[in-house]
C-alpha atoms as a PDB file:
ATOM      1  CA  UNK A   1     138.510-103.471  75.680  1.00  0.00           C
ATOM      2  CA  UNK A   2     138.039-101.157  79.329  1.00  0.00           C
ATOM      3  CA  UNK A   3     139.562-104.074  81.383  1.00  0.00           C
ATOM      4  CA  UNK A   4     142.306-104.492  78.585  1.00  0.00           C
ATOM      5  CA  UNK A   5     143.047-100.734  79.190  1.00  0.00           C
ATOM      6  CA  UNK A   6     143.000-100.860  82.596  1.00  0.00           C
ATOM      7  CA  UNK A   7     145.450-103.580  83.105  1.00  0.00           C
ATOM      8  CA  UNK A   8     147.890-102.402  80.483  1.00  0.00           C
ATOM      9  CA  UNK A   9     147.942 -98.955  82.941  1.00  0.00           C
ATOM     10  CA  UNK A  10     148.492-100.988  85.832  1.00  0.00           C
ATOM     11  CA  UNK A  11     151.541-102.992  84.200  1.00  0.00           C
ATOM     12  CA  UNK A  12     152.893 -99.573  83.072  1.00  0.00           C
ATOM     13  CA  UNK A  13     152.270 -98.420  86.959  1.00  0.00           C
ATOM     14  CA  UNK A  14     153.759-101.162  88.340  1.00  0.00           C
ATOM     15  CA  UNK A  15     156.426-101.070  86.015  1.00  0.00           C
ATOM     16  CA  UNK A  16     157.263 -97.311  86.850  1.00  0.00           C
ATOM     17  CA  UNK A  17     156.988 -98.448  90.420  1.00  0.00           C
ATOM     18  CA  UNK A  18     159.508-100.920  90.281  1.00  0.00           C
ATOM     19  CA  UNK A  19     162.519 -98.183  88.861  1.00  0.00           C
ATOM     20  CA  UNK A  20     162.074 -96.992  92.340  1.00  0.00           C
ATOM     21  CA  UNK A  21     162.011 -93.069  91.218  1.00  0.00           C
ATOM     22  CA  UNK A  22     162.213 -90.872  94.223  1.00  0.00           C
ATOM     23  CA  UNK A  23     159.603 -88.680  92.591  1.00  0.00           C
ATOM     24  CA  UNK A  24     156.548 -89.013  89.917  1.00  0.00           C
ATOM     25  CA  UNK A  25     155.491 -86.783  87.382  1.00  0.00           C
ATOM     26  CA  UNK A  26     152.204 -84.625  87.844  1.00  0.00           C
ATOM     27  CA  UNK A  27     150.876 -86.906  85.228  1.00  0.00           C
ATOM     28  CA  UNK A  28     152.134 -90.341  86.805  1.00  0.00           C
ATOM     29  CA  UNK A  29     150.560 -88.945  90.236  1.00  0.00           C
ATOM     30  CA  UNK A  30     147.098 -88.316  88.888  1.00  0.00           C
ATOM     31  CA  UNK A  31     146.869 -91.470  87.311  1.00  0.00           C
ATOM     32  CA  UNK A  32     148.197 -93.650  90.410  1.00  0.00           C
ATOM     33  CA  UNK A  33     145.287 -91.591  92.568  1.00  0.00           C
ATOM     34  CA  UNK A  34     142.984 -92.361  89.976  1.00  0.00           C
ATOM     35  CA  UNK A  35     144.033 -96.550  89.714  1.00  0.00           C
ATOM     36  CA  UNK A  36     145.287 -97.149  93.568  1.00  0.00           C
ATOM     37  CA  UNK A  37     141.164 -97.535  94.386  1.00  0.00           C
ATOM     38  CA  UNK A  38     140.712-100.297  91.139  1.00  0.00           C
ATOM     39  CA  UNK A  39     143.897-102.084  92.443  1.00  0.00           C
ATOM     40  CA  UNK A  40     142.509-102.276  96.149  1.00  0.00           C
ATOM     41  CA  UNK A  41     139.308-103.372  95.049  1.00  0.00           C
ATOM     42  CA  UNK A  42     140.786-105.888  92.365  1.00  0.00           C
ATOM     43  CA  UNK A  43     143.192-106.831  95.328  1.00  0.00           C
ATOM     44  CA  UNK A  44     140.033-107.327  97.785  1.00  0.00           C
ATOM     45  CA  UNK A  45     137.633-109.293  95.474  1.00  0.00           C
ATOM     46  CA  UNK A  46     141.071-111.691  95.036  1.00  0.00           C
ATOM     47  CA  UNK A  47     141.624-112.381  97.834  1.00  0.00           C
ATOM     48  CA  UNK A  48     137.894-112.772  98.791  1.00  0.00           C
ATOM     49  CA  UNK A  49     137.787-115.731  96.112  1.00  0.00           C
ATOM     50  CA  UNK A  50     140.801-116.889  97.405  1.00  0.00           C
ATOM     51  CA  UNK A  51     139.376-117.602 101.426  1.00  0.00           C
ATOM     52  CA  UNK A  52     136.422-118.821  99.518  1.00  0.00           C
ATOM     53  CA  UNK A  53     137.731-122.046  97.841  1.00  0.00           C
ATOM     54  CA  UNK A  54     140.798-122.546  99.791  1.00  0.00           C
ATOM     55  CA  UNK A  55     138.168-123.839 102.799  1.00  0.00           C
ATOM     56  CA  UNK A  56     136.406-125.423 100.515  1.00  0.00           C
ATOM     57  CA  UNK A  57     139.279-127.473  99.135  1.00  0.00           C
ATOM     58  CA  UNK A  58     140.437-127.650 102.477  1.00  0.00           C
ATOM     59  CA  UNK A  59     137.227-129.698 103.919  1.00  0.00           C
ATOM     60  CA  UNK A  60     137.180-131.757 100.844  1.00  0.00           C
ATOM     61  CA  UNK A  61     140.784-132.852 101.337  1.00  0.00           C
ATOM     62  CA  UNK A  62     139.305-133.004 105.661  1.00  0.00           C
ATOM     63  CA  UNK A  63     136.778-135.476 104.580  1.00  0.00           C
ATOM     64  CA  UNK A  64     138.439-137.851 102.518  1.00  0.00           C
ATOM     65  CA  UNK A  65     140.626-137.868 105.125  1.00  0.00           C
ATOM     66  CA  UNK A  66     138.209-138.497 107.841  1.00  0.00           C
ATOM     67  CA  UNK A  67     136.547-141.112 105.395  1.00  0.00           C
ATOM     68  CA  UNK A  68     139.717-142.966 105.104  1.00  0.00           C
ATOM     69  CA  UNK A  69     140.475-143.124 108.970  1.00  0.00           C
ATOM     70  CA  UNK A  70     136.901-144.167 109.627  1.00  0.00           C
ATOM     71  CA  UNK A  71     137.672-146.761 107.160  1.00  0.00           C
ATOM     72  CA  UNK A  72     140.811-147.997 108.686  1.00  0.00           C
ATOM     73  CA  UNK A  73     138.818-147.805 112.313  1.00  0.00           C
ATOM     74  CA  UNK A  74     136.019-150.270 110.831  1.00  0.00           C
ATOM     75  CA  UNK A  75     139.189-152.677 109.732  1.00  0.00           C
ATOM     76  CA  UNK A  76     140.958-152.757 112.926  1.00  0.00           C
ATOM     77  CA  UNK A  77     137.437-152.835 114.785  1.00  0.00           C
ATOM     78  CA  UNK A  78     137.326-156.165 112.765  1.00  0.00           C
ATOM     79  CA  UNK A  79     140.668-157.412 113.127  1.00  0.00           C
ATOM     80  CA  UNK A  80     140.095-156.927 117.070  1.00  0.00           C
ATOM     81  CA  UNK A  81     136.807-158.890 117.241  1.00  0.00           C
ATOM     82  CA  UNK A  82     138.546-161.387 114.978  1.00  0.00           C
ATOM     83  CA  UNK A  83     141.594-161.885 117.084  1.00  0.00           C
ATOM     84  CA  UNK A  84     139.163-161.833 120.185  1.00  0.00           C
ATOM     85  CA  UNK A  85     136.891-164.541 118.334  1.00  0.00           C
ATOM     86  CA  UNK A  86     140.397-166.736 117.800  1.00  0.00           C
ATOM     87  CA  UNK A  87     141.449-165.844 121.426  1.00  0.00           C
ATOM     88  CA  UNK A  88     138.273-167.252 123.062  1.00  0.00           C
ATOM     89  CA  UNK A  89     138.107-170.105 120.923  1.00  0.00           C
ATOM     90  CA  UNK A  90     141.730-171.380 122.189  1.00  0.00           C
ATOM     91  CA  UNK A  91     140.826-170.547 125.742  1.00  0.00           C
ATOM     92  CA  UNK A  92     137.903-172.869 125.604  1.00  0.00           C
ATOM     93  CA  UNK A  93     139.611-175.315 123.318  1.00  0.00           C
ATOM     94  CA  UNK A  94     142.579-175.461 126.236  1.00  0.00           C
ATOM     95  CA  UNK A  95     139.976-175.701 129.154  1.00  0.00           C
ATOM     96  CA  UNK A  96     138.515-178.764 127.163  1.00  0.00           C
ATOM     97  CA  UNK A  97     141.793-180.645 126.454  1.00  0.00           C
ATOM     98  CA  UNK A  98     142.018-180.802 130.500  1.00  0.00           C
ATOM     99  CA  UNK A  99     138.554-182.976 129.934  1.00  0.00           C
ATOM    100  CA  UNK A 100     140.852-184.874 128.507  1.00  0.00           C
ATOM    101  CA  UNK A 101     142.535-186.222 132.108  1.00  0.00           C
ATOM    102  CA  UNK A 102     139.295-187.354 132.378  1.00  0.00           C
ATOM    103  CA  UNK A 103     139.106-190.101 130.186  1.00  0.00           C
ATOM    104  CA  UNK A 104     142.409-191.238 130.013  1.00  0.00           C
ATOM    105  CA  UNK A 105     142.752-191.177 133.955  1.00  0.00           C
ATOM    106  CA  UNK A 106     139.766-193.870 134.031  1.00  0.00           C
ATOM    107  CA  UNK A 107     139.940-195.904 131.669  1.00  0.00           C
ATOM    108  CA  UNK A 108     137.894-194.022 129.214  1.00  0.00           C
ATOM    109  CA  UNK A 109     139.704-193.838 126.026  1.00  0.00           C
ATOM    110  CA  UNK A 110     137.127-193.084 123.553  1.00  0.00           C
ATOM    111  CA  UNK A 111     135.858-189.312 123.584  1.00  0.00           C
ATOM    112  CA  UNK A 112     134.491-186.415 120.918  1.00  0.00           C
ATOM    113  CA  UNK A 113     134.387-183.056 121.396  1.00  0.00           C
ATOM    114  CA  UNK A 114     131.263-180.884 120.995  1.00  0.00           C
ATOM    115  CA  UNK A 115     129.986-177.368 120.255  1.00  0.00           C
ATOM    116  CA  UNK A 116     126.399-175.993 121.909  1.00  0.00           C
ATOM    117  CA  UNK A 117     124.121-175.442 119.206  1.00  0.00           C
ATOM    118  CA  UNK A 118     121.138-173.870 121.424  1.00  0.00           C
ATOM    119  CA  UNK A 119     119.708-173.850 124.974  1.00  0.00           C
ATOM    120  CA  UNK A 120     116.234-173.474 126.620  1.00  0.00           C
ATOM    121  CA  UNK A 121     115.653-170.474 127.894  1.00  0.00           C
ATOM    122  CA  UNK A 122     116.630-169.256 130.574  1.00  0.00           C
ATOM    123  CA  UNK A 123     120.283-167.974 132.631  1.00  0.00           C
ATOM    124  CA  UNK A 124     121.010-171.385 133.411  1.00  0.00           C
ATOM    125  CA  UNK A 125     121.763-174.340 131.027  1.00  0.00           C
ATOM    126  CA  UNK A 126     120.036-177.063 132.974  1.00  0.00           C
ATOM    127  CA  UNK A 127     119.519-178.484 129.530  1.00  0.00           C
ATOM    128  CA  UNK A 128     121.183-177.927 125.839  1.00  0.00           C
ATOM    129  CA  UNK A 129     121.789-179.249 122.549  1.00  0.00           C
ATOM    130  CA  UNK A 130     125.073-179.873 120.995  1.00  0.00           C
ATOM    131  CA  UNK A 131     126.144-180.783 117.596  1.00  0.00           C
ATOM    132  CA  UNK A 132     127.410-184.491 117.541  1.00  0.00           C
ATOM    133  CA  UNK A 133     125.430-186.991 117.420  1.00  0.00           C
ATOM    134  CA  UNK A 134     125.046-191.335 117.017  1.00  0.00           C
ATOM    135  CA  UNK A 135     126.906-190.768 113.880  1.00  0.00           C
ATOM    136  CA  UNK A 136     129.902-189.065 116.113  1.00  0.00           C
ATOM    137  CA  UNK A 137     129.137-192.297 118.160  1.00  0.00           C
ATOM    138  CA  UNK A 138     127.162-190.570 121.189  1.00  0.00           C
ATOM    139  CA  UNK A 139     125.020-192.747 122.750  1.00  0.00           C
ATOM    140  CA  UNK A 140     121.792-192.067 125.692  1.00  0.00           C
ATOM    141  CA  UNK A 141     123.229-191.821 129.047  1.00  0.00           C
ATOM    142  CA  UNK A 142     126.969-190.564 128.074  1.00  0.00           C
ATOM    143  CA  UNK A 143     128.782-188.340 130.058  1.00  0.00           C
ATOM    144  CA  UNK A 144     129.664-184.985 129.425  1.00  0.00           C
ATOM    145  CA  UNK A 145     132.209-182.590 130.841  1.00  0.00           C
ATOM    146  CA  UNK A 146     134.714-180.022 130.175  1.00  0.00           C
ATOM    147  CA  UNK A 147     137.829-178.683 131.330  1.00  0.00           C
ATOM    148  CA  UNK A 148     136.665-177.743 134.663  1.00  0.00           C
ATOM    149  CA  UNK A 149     134.337-180.858 135.756  1.00  0.00           C
ATOM    150  CA  UNK A 150     130.918-182.809 135.371  1.00  0.00           C
ATOM    151  CA  UNK A 151     128.515-180.630 133.529  1.00  0.00           C
ATOM    152  CA  UNK A 152     126.097-183.865 132.797  1.00  0.00           C
ATOM    153  CA  UNK A 153     124.549-186.350 131.013  1.00  0.00           C
ATOM    154  CA  UNK A 154     123.064-186.975 127.065  1.00  0.00           C
ATOM    155  CA  UNK A 155     119.573-188.096 126.995  1.00  0.00           C
ATOM    156  CA  UNK A 156     118.360-187.937 123.833  1.00  0.00           C
ATOM    157  CA  UNK A 157     120.272-188.586 120.551  1.00  0.00           C
ATOM    158  CA  UNK A 158     119.811-187.750 116.842  1.00  0.00           C
ATOM    159  CA  UNK A 159     121.890-188.438 113.994  1.00  0.00           C
ATOM    160  CA  UNK A 160     123.850-184.964 113.957  1.00  0.00           C
ATOM    161  CA  UNK A 161     122.856-183.647 117.401  1.00  0.00           C
ATOM    162  CA  UNK A 162     122.178-184.942 120.847  1.00  0.00           C
ATOM    163  CA  UNK A 163     120.592-182.838 124.018  1.00  0.00           C
ATOM    164  CA  UNK A 164     122.046-182.818 127.480  1.00  0.00           C
ATOM    165  CA  UNK A 165     120.795-182.766 130.706  1.00  0.00           C
ATOM    166  CA  UNK A 166     123.251-180.984 133.228  1.00  0.00           C
ATOM    167  CA  UNK A 167     123.354-181.616 137.007  1.00  0.00           C
ATOM    168  CA  UNK A 168     121.797-178.689 138.362  1.00  0.00           C
ATOM    169  CA  UNK A 169     118.512-179.657 136.572  1.00  0.00           C
ATOM    170  CA  UNK A 170     115.678-180.756 138.901  1.00  0.00           C
ATOM    171  CA  UNK A 171     115.772-183.906 137.817  1.00  0.00           C
ATOM    172  CA  UNK A 172     119.631-184.809 137.867  1.00  0.00           C
ATOM    173  CA  UNK A 173     121.242-186.616 140.839  1.00  0.00           C
ATOM    174  CA  UNK A 174     124.774-187.674 140.874  1.00  0.00           C
ATOM    175  CA  UNK A 175     126.821-189.728 143.418  1.00  0.00           C
ATOM    176  CA  UNK A 176     129.854-188.675 145.419  1.00  0.00           C
ATOM    177  CA  UNK A 177     132.359-189.308 147.402  1.00  0.00           C
ATOM    178  CA  UNK A 178     134.534-186.695 149.324  1.00  0.00           C
ATOM    179  CA  UNK A 179     138.226-186.028 147.742  1.00  0.00           C
ATOM    180  CA  UNK A 180     139.549-186.514 151.352  1.00  0.00           C
ATOM    181  CA  UNK A 181     138.298-189.018 152.364  1.00  0.00           C
ATOM    182  CA  UNK A 182     136.342-191.732 149.665  1.00  0.00           C
ATOM    183  CA  UNK A 183     134.732-193.246 152.113  1.00  0.00           C
ATOM    184  CA  UNK A 184     132.317-190.572 152.635  1.00  0.00           C
ATOM    185  CA  UNK A 185     130.040-191.200 149.725  1.00  0.00           C
ATOM    186  CA  UNK A 186     126.462-189.840 149.303  1.00  0.00           C
ATOM    187  CA  UNK A 187     123.926-187.954 146.505  1.00  0.00           C
ATOM    188  CA  UNK A 188     123.253-184.756 145.565  1.00  0.00           C
ATOM    189  CA  UNK A 189     120.785-183.544 143.175  1.00  0.00           C
ATOM    190  CA  UNK A 190     119.966-180.486 141.292  1.00  0.00           C
ATOM    191  CA  UNK A 191     117.003-177.907 141.899  1.00  0.00           C
ATOM    192  CA  UNK A 192     114.815-175.556 140.151  1.00  0.00           C
ATOM    193  CA  UNK A 193     116.546-172.866 141.587  1.00  0.00           C
ATOM    194  CA  UNK A 194     120.011-174.090 139.800  1.00  0.00           C
ATOM    195  CA  UNK A 195     121.740-174.824 143.110  1.00  0.00           C
ATOM    196  CA  UNK A 196     123.014-178.364 144.182  1.00  0.00           C
ATOM    197  CA  UNK A 197     122.031-179.693 147.406  1.00  0.00           C
ATOM    198  CA  UNK A 198     122.343-183.424 148.847  1.00  0.00           C
ATOM    199  CA  UNK A 199     123.751-185.355 152.032  1.00  0.00           C
ATOM    200  CA  UNK A 200     125.758-187.972 153.329  1.00  0.00           C
ATOM    201  CA  UNK A 201     124.821-192.074 153.161  1.00  0.00           C
ATOM    202  CA  UNK A 202     127.048-192.249 156.806  1.00  0.00           C
ATOM    203  CA  UNK A 203     125.333-189.778 159.531  1.00  0.00           C
ATOM    204  CA  UNK A 204     128.545-189.398 161.436  1.00  0.00           C
ATOM    205  CA  UNK A 205     130.606-188.483 158.293  1.00  0.00           C
ATOM    206  CA  UNK A 206     133.191-185.660 159.195  1.00  0.00           C
ATOM    207  CA  UNK A 207     132.162-183.377 155.812  1.00  0.00           C
ATOM    208  CA  UNK A 208     133.886-179.842 156.094  1.00  0.00           C
ATOM    209  CA  UNK A 209     132.905-176.774 154.138  1.00  0.00           C
ATOM    210  CA  UNK A 210     135.650-176.499 151.266  1.00  0.00           C
ATOM    211  CA  UNK A 211     135.736-180.330 150.691  1.00  0.00           C
ATOM    212  CA  UNK A 212     135.662-181.219 147.156  1.00  0.00           C
ATOM    213  CA  UNK A 213     133.207-184.028 146.017  1.00  0.00           C
ATOM    214  CA  UNK A 214     134.302-186.018 142.973  1.00  0.00           C
ATOM    215  CA  UNK A 215     131.865-188.902 140.887  1.00  0.00           C
ATOM    216  CA  UNK A 216     132.272-192.186 142.938  1.00  0.00           C
ATOM    217  CA  UNK A 217     131.040-194.810 140.003  1.00  0.00           C
ATOM    218  CA  UNK A 218     128.621-195.973 141.516  1.00  0.00           C
ATOM    219  CA  UNK A 219     126.345-194.145 139.019  1.00  0.00           C
ATOM    220  CA  UNK A 220     125.698-193.593 135.115  1.00  0.00           C
ATOM    221  CA  UNK A 221     128.998-191.066 135.496  1.00  0.00           C
ATOM    222  CA  UNK A 222     133.082-192.883 135.759  1.00  0.00           C
ATOM    223  CA  UNK A 223     134.611-192.159 138.741  1.00  0.00           C
ATOM    224  CA  UNK A 224     136.852-189.098 139.778  1.00  0.00           C
ATOM    225  CA  UNK A 225     135.457-186.331 138.099  1.00  0.00           C
ATOM    226  CA  UNK A 226     134.976-183.070 139.511  1.00  0.00           C
ATOM    227  CA  UNK A 227     131.591-182.035 140.662  1.00  0.00           C
ATOM    228  CA  UNK A 228     132.241-179.274 143.008  1.00  0.00           C
ATOM    229  CA  UNK A 229     132.916-177.603 146.582  1.00  0.00           C
ATOM    230  CA  UNK A 230     130.765-178.265 149.721  1.00  0.00           C
ATOM    231  CA  UNK A 231     130.336-174.166 150.682  1.00  0.00           C
ATOM    232  CA  UNK A 232     127.734-175.180 153.389  1.00  0.00           C
ATOM    233  CA  UNK A 233     126.943-178.058 155.802  1.00  0.00           C
ATOM    234  CA  UNK A 234     123.506-177.995 157.375  1.00  0.00           C
ATOM    235  CA  UNK A 235     122.648-180.359 160.441  1.00  0.00           C
ATOM    236  CA  UNK A 236     118.416-180.264 161.720  1.00  0.00           C
ATOM    237  CA  UNK A 237     118.030-181.535 164.835  1.00  0.00           C
ATOM    238  CA  UNK A 238     115.013-183.437 163.385  1.00  0.00           C
ATOM    239  CA  UNK A 239     116.927-185.322 160.512  1.00  0.00           C
ATOM    240  CA  UNK A 240     119.310-187.954 161.059  1.00  0.00           C
ATOM    241  CA  UNK A 241     121.329-186.735 157.663  1.00  0.00           C
ATOM    242  CA  UNK A 242     123.742-184.020 157.271  1.00  0.00           C
ATOM    243  CA  UNK A 243     122.468-181.525 154.379  1.00  0.00           C
ATOM    244  CA  UNK A 244     125.212-180.132 152.521  1.00  0.00           C
ATOM    245  CA  UNK A 245     125.144-177.240 149.832  1.00  0.00           C
ATOM    246  CA  UNK A 246     127.873-177.833 146.775  1.00  0.00           C
ATOM    247  CA  UNK A 247     128.594-175.034 144.792  1.00  0.00           C
ATOM    248  CA  UNK A 248     129.656-176.437 141.233  1.00  0.00           C
ATOM    249  CA  UNK A 249     132.618-176.337 139.703  1.00  0.00           C
ATOM    250  CA  UNK A 250     131.732-175.572 136.395  1.00  0.00           C
ATOM    251  CA  UNK A 251     130.123-172.606 135.584  1.00  0.00           C
ATOM    252  CA  UNK A 252     126.246-172.922 134.282  1.00  0.00           C
ATOM    253  CA  UNK A 253     125.451-169.553 133.180  1.00  0.00           C
ATOM    254  CA  UNK A 254     128.372-170.289 130.140  1.00  0.00           C
ATOM    255  CA  UNK A 255     128.879-173.470 128.350  1.00  0.00           C
ATOM    256  CA  UNK A 256     130.177-173.597 124.653  1.00  0.00           C
ATOM    257  CA  UNK A 257     132.702-176.335 123.940  1.00  0.00           C
ATOM    258  CA  UNK A 258     131.808-179.940 125.894  1.00  0.00           C
ATOM    259  CA  UNK A 259     133.632-183.100 125.996  1.00  0.00           C
ATOM    260  CA  UNK A 260     131.502-185.867 125.547  1.00  0.00           C
ATOM    261  CA  UNK A 261     132.705-189.351 127.096  1.00  0.00           C
ATOM    262  CA  UNK A 262     131.617-192.122 124.755  1.00  0.00           C
ATOM    263  CA  UNK A 263     131.007-195.920 125.612  1.00  0.00           C
ATOM    264  CA  UNK A 264     133.686-198.359 125.611  1.00  0.00           C
ATOM    265  CA  UNK A 265     132.551-201.260 123.110  1.00  0.00           C
END
């Protein structure tokens, strides 16, 4: 009842104020002096409520926007990752297509591509497993390459998997010839340090740093597959043959896809 009376009086005062009179009567002046503090109190309470409620709603709106932005960022990140995977896959396939030059250029018409499914512990790909086997025509001793050059050969075969030993393994050896002069031939071997080193059969052969080496065709590997580049030539007085240190063209720290050259039957 009191609140109602106060409200009515305030409305009357507002109406009087809106009249725009130059001078108020004494009763009106008294009533104004009494209710002005009350109006001020109501105004402050209203402002306090508004200042409390508005940030709450604003915070909820900002929180909702942040959640939406976070979801959008997560979506974009997934798209970026997917795009990168697709780009890497495309690069790998393009690189792998270069290996077809080896299969077509030297009478090797049958081949199959495969992906690495496992590898032995360590930083280097000395031996690894691929996801193709006898069901896809792979046999033991089949040559394995990628777009850069010679990787190694198959040494164990299952129905849908095969194991590959690479040329940097200490149990591997490859007969090579110098691309610059195919009369210069020799043998290189892997090592426990994953290095390639070897020698030329002709002690008088002039091999140079930078010479490129390819498979000679005198071993299990087809002729003409790029092996690597000579990075050092060592000639010791107490040794008849020159020793060469070779930098392989294949990155044996990262192999994802390979091409297996199948046997011609």
